[in-house]
Structures are given as structure tokens and as C-alpha cells.
Amino acid sequence: WAVNSAMLEHFRREVRLIARLDHPNILPLKDASFIGDQFVIAFPLGEKTLADRLRKRMSVEKAVDFAEQLLE
């Protein structure tokens, strides 16, 4: 799986877009660079799990209700 210049430019464009995001529910981009021959995008560790964050935002009952609606 070789990376060509068009793919690399696409990754770089994605990184620039991600770096511009500024929202309390989105982890900020920490670094994006090559380590050896791998392109690595790094974010700081989150303070809470996704499950913890969802529990804070909505009740379990509401989450179950949404899930049931998706299955219908």
C-alpha cells in the first residue's frame, strides 16, 4: 500500500481542517507528522470516556429511547 503525492496532500488538507476545529467536545490536534514511514496524527488524551460524556449529556432512559428508534 504505497502513498502517492495526491494521497499525501489529501492527508495534509485533512490535518489542516482538523487543526482549525475549536469546540469543547472535540479534542484538539496535537501533532501530525511522519514517524519513520508512517503518517501519524496525535491528539491529547481525553479526560473522560465517551460513555461518561454521554451519561452527562443525557439520561440512560433517553439513550435507550434513541437506540430503540434507530432499530425500528
N, C-alpha and C. Protein backbone atom coordinates (compact mmCIF):
# COMPACT_ATOMS: atom_id res chain seq x y z
N TRP A 1 0.86 -1.16 0.00
CA TRP A 1 0.00 0.00 0.00
C TRP A 1 0.90 1.22 0.00
N ALA A 2 1.13 1.78 -1.14
CA ALA A 2 2.03 2.92 -1.29
C ALA A 2 1.25 4.23 -1.26
N VAL A 3 1.83 5.21 -0.63
CA VAL A 3 1.22 6.53 -0.55
C VAL A 3 1.76 7.37 -1.70
N ASN A 4 0.86 7.90 -2.51
CA ASN A 4 1.31 8.76 -3.59
C ASN A 4 1.15 10.22 -3.17
N SER A 5 1.61 11.13 -3.99
CA SER A 5 1.59 12.56 -3.62
C SER A 5 0.16 13.09 -3.47
N ALA A 6 -0.79 12.58 -4.24
CA ALA A 6 -2.18 13.04 -4.12
C ALA A 6 -2.77 12.61 -2.78
N MET A 7 -2.48 11.39 -2.35
CA MET A 7 -2.96 10.91 -1.06
C MET A 7 -2.34 11.71 0.08
N LEU A 8 -1.06 11.98 -0.03
CA LEU A 8 -0.36 12.74 1.00
C LEU A 8 -0.94 14.15 1.10
N GLU A 9 -1.23 14.78 -0.01
CA GLU A 9 -1.83 16.11 0.01
C GLU A 9 -3.22 16.06 0.64
N HIS A 10 -3.97 15.00 0.37
CA HIS A 10 -5.29 14.82 0.98
C HIS A 10 -5.17 14.73 2.50
N PHE A 11 -4.22 13.94 3.00
CA PHE A 11 -3.99 13.84 4.44
C PHE A 11 -3.62 15.19 5.03
N ARG A 12 -2.74 15.90 4.37
CA ARG A 12 -2.32 17.21 4.87
C ARG A 12 -3.49 18.19 4.93
N ARG A 13 -4.36 18.15 3.92
CA ARG A 13 -5.55 19.00 3.91
C ARG A 13 -6.48 18.64 5.08
N GLU A 14 -6.66 17.35 5.31
CA GLU A 14 -7.49 16.90 6.44
C GLU A 14 -6.91 17.40 7.76
N VAL A 15 -5.60 17.31 7.91
CA VAL A 15 -4.95 17.76 9.15
C VAL A 15 -5.15 19.26 9.35
N ARG A 16 -5.02 20.03 8.29
CA ARG A 16 -5.24 21.48 8.41
C ARG A 16 -6.67 21.79 8.84
N LEU A 17 -7.64 21.05 8.29
CA LEU A 17 -9.04 21.25 8.69
C LEU A 17 -9.26 20.86 10.14
N ILE A 18 -8.71 19.73 10.55
CA ILE A 18 -8.85 19.28 11.94
C ILE A 18 -8.22 20.29 12.89
N ALA A 19 -7.07 20.83 12.52
CA ALA A 19 -6.37 21.78 13.39
C ALA A 19 -7.20 23.04 13.63
N ARG A 20 -8.09 23.37 12.71
CA ARG A 20 -8.91 24.58 12.85
C ARG A 20 -10.14 24.38 13.72
N LEU A 21 -10.49 23.14 14.02
CA LEU A 21 -11.67 22.87 14.84
C LEU A 21 -11.45 23.36 16.26
N ASP A 22 -12.43 24.05 16.79
CA ASP A 22 -12.35 24.57 18.15
C ASP A 22 -13.71 24.41 18.81
N HIS A 23 -13.85 23.33 19.57
CA HIS A 23 -15.12 23.03 20.22
C HIS A 23 -14.82 22.26 21.49
N PRO A 24 -15.54 22.52 22.58
CA PRO A 24 -15.23 21.83 23.84
C PRO A 24 -15.42 20.31 23.78
N ASN A 25 -16.17 19.81 22.82
CA ASN A 25 -16.40 18.37 22.71
C ASN A 25 -15.49 17.69 21.69
N ILE A 26 -14.52 18.43 21.15
CA ILE A 26 -13.58 17.87 20.18
C ILE A 26 -12.18 18.04 20.72
N LEU A 27 -11.42 16.94 20.76
CA LEU A 27 -10.03 17.03 21.20
C LEU A 27 -9.22 17.81 20.17
N PRO A 28 -8.38 18.74 20.61
CA PRO A 28 -7.56 19.49 19.66
C PRO A 28 -6.43 18.64 19.09
N LEU A 29 -6.04 18.94 17.89
CA LEU A 29 -4.94 18.25 17.25
C LEU A 29 -3.65 18.61 17.95
N LYS A 30 -2.86 17.61 18.31
CA LYS A 30 -1.59 17.88 19.00
C LYS A 30 -0.43 17.88 18.01
N ASP A 31 -0.41 16.90 17.09
CA ASP A 31 0.70 16.81 16.14
C ASP A 31 0.27 15.95 14.97
N ALA A 32 0.83 16.23 13.82
CA ALA A 32 0.64 15.40 12.63
C ALA A 32 1.95 15.41 11.86
N SER A 33 2.60 14.27 11.80
CA SER A 33 3.89 14.21 11.13
C SER A 33 4.23 12.76 10.80
N PHE A 34 5.34 12.60 10.11
CA PHE A 34 5.82 11.26 9.79
C PHE A 34 6.72 10.78 10.92
N ILE A 35 6.51 9.54 11.30
CA ILE A 35 7.42 8.84 12.21
C ILE A 35 7.88 7.63 11.42
N GLY A 36 9.12 7.67 10.99
CA GLY A 36 9.60 6.66 10.05
C GLY A 36 8.85 6.83 8.75
N ASP A 37 8.22 5.77 8.29
CA ASP A 37 7.43 5.86 7.06
C ASP A 37 5.93 5.88 7.32
N GLN A 38 5.53 6.15 8.57
CA GLN A 38 4.12 6.21 8.94
C GLN A 38 3.69 7.65 9.19
N PHE A 39 2.55 8.03 8.64
CA PHE A 39 1.97 9.35 8.90
C PHE A 39 1.11 9.21 10.14
N VAL A 40 1.43 9.96 11.19
CA VAL A 40 0.78 9.82 12.49
C VAL A 40 0.09 11.12 12.86
N ILE A 41 -1.17 11.01 13.29
CA ILE A 41 -1.93 12.15 13.78
C ILE A 41 -2.16 11.91 15.27
N ALA A 42 -1.73 12.84 16.11
CA ALA A 42 -1.83 12.65 17.56
C ALA A 42 -2.74 13.69 18.19
N PHE A 43 -3.54 13.22 19.15
CA PHE A 43 -4.43 14.07 19.93
C PHE A 43 -4.09 13.86 21.40
N PRO A 44 -4.31 14.86 22.24
CA PRO A 44 -4.10 14.63 23.67
C PRO A 44 -5.12 13.65 24.21
N LEU A 45 -4.80 13.00 25.31
CA LEU A 45 -5.74 12.08 25.92
C LEU A 45 -6.95 12.83 26.45
N GLY A 46 -8.12 12.26 26.26
CA GLY A 46 -9.33 12.86 26.80
C GLY A 46 -9.41 12.65 28.30
N GLU A 47 -10.16 13.49 28.96
CA GLU A 47 -10.29 13.39 30.41
C GLU A 47 -11.34 12.37 30.82
N LYS A 48 -12.28 12.08 29.94
CA LYS A 48 -13.36 11.15 30.26
C LYS A 48 -13.58 10.22 29.08
N THR A 49 -14.22 9.10 29.35
CA THR A 49 -14.57 8.20 28.26
C THR A 49 -15.80 8.75 27.53
N LEU A 50 -16.02 8.25 26.34
CA LEU A 50 -17.21 8.66 25.59
C LEU A 50 -18.47 8.30 26.37
N ALA A 51 -18.47 7.14 26.99
CA ALA A 51 -19.64 6.73 27.78
C ALA A 51 -19.90 7.72 28.92
N ASP A 52 -18.85 8.16 29.61
CA ASP A 52 -19.01 9.15 30.69
C ASP A 52 -19.59 10.45 30.16
N ARG A 53 -19.10 10.88 29.01
CA ARG A 53 -19.57 12.14 28.44
C ARG A 53 -21.03 12.03 28.01
N LEU A 54 -21.41 10.88 27.44
CA LEU A 54 -22.80 10.71 27.02
C LEU A 54 -23.73 10.65 28.22
N ARG A 55 -23.30 9.99 29.30
CA ARG A 55 -24.14 9.94 30.50
C ARG A 55 -24.40 11.34 31.05
N LYS A 56 -23.42 12.19 30.97
CA LYS A 56 -23.57 13.56 31.46
C LYS A 56 -24.56 14.35 30.58
N ARG A 57 -24.56 14.05 29.30
CA ARG A 57 -25.37 14.82 28.37
C ARG A 57 -26.81 14.34 28.29
N MET A 58 -27.06 13.06 28.58
CA MET A 58 -28.43 12.55 28.51
C MET A 58 -28.59 11.37 29.46
N SER A 59 -29.80 11.15 29.87
CA SER A 59 -30.09 10.05 30.78
C SER A 59 -29.99 8.73 30.04
N VAL A 60 -29.81 7.66 30.80
CA VAL A 60 -29.78 6.32 30.21
C VAL A 60 -31.10 6.04 29.51
N GLU A 61 -32.20 6.46 30.12
CA GLU A 61 -33.52 6.23 29.52
C GLU A 61 -33.62 6.89 28.15
N LYS A 62 -33.14 8.10 28.04
CA LYS A 62 -33.19 8.82 26.76
C LYS A 62 -32.30 8.14 25.73
N ALA A 63 -31.14 7.68 26.14
CA ALA A 63 -30.24 6.97 25.22
C ALA A 63 -30.88 5.68 24.72
N VAL A 64 -31.54 4.94 25.61
CA VAL A 64 -32.24 3.71 25.22
C VAL A 64 -33.37 4.04 24.25
N ASP A 65 -34.09 5.11 24.51
CA ASP A 65 -35.17 5.54 23.63
C ASP A 65 -34.64 5.83 22.23
N PHE A 66 -33.52 6.55 22.15
CA PHE A 66 -32.91 6.83 20.84
C PHE A 66 -32.49 5.54 20.13
N ALA A 67 -31.89 4.64 20.90
CA ALA A 67 -31.44 3.37 20.31
C ALA A 67 -32.63 2.57 19.77
N GLU A 68 -33.71 2.53 20.51
CA GLU A 68 -34.90 1.82 20.06
C GLU A 68 -35.46 2.43 18.79
N GLN A 69 -35.42 3.76 18.69
CA GLN A 69 -35.91 4.42 17.49
C GLN A 69 -35.05 4.07 16.28
N LEU A 70 -33.75 3.92 16.50
CA LEU A 70 -32.86 3.56 15.39
C LEU A 70 -33.12 2.16 14.89
N LEU A 71 -33.57 1.28 15.77
CA LEU A 71 -33.80 -0.12 15.39
C LEU A 71 -35.14 -0.32 14.70
N GLU A 72 -36.04 0.64 14.76
CA GLU A 72 -37.36 0.50 14.16
C GLU A 72 -37.29 0.59 12.65
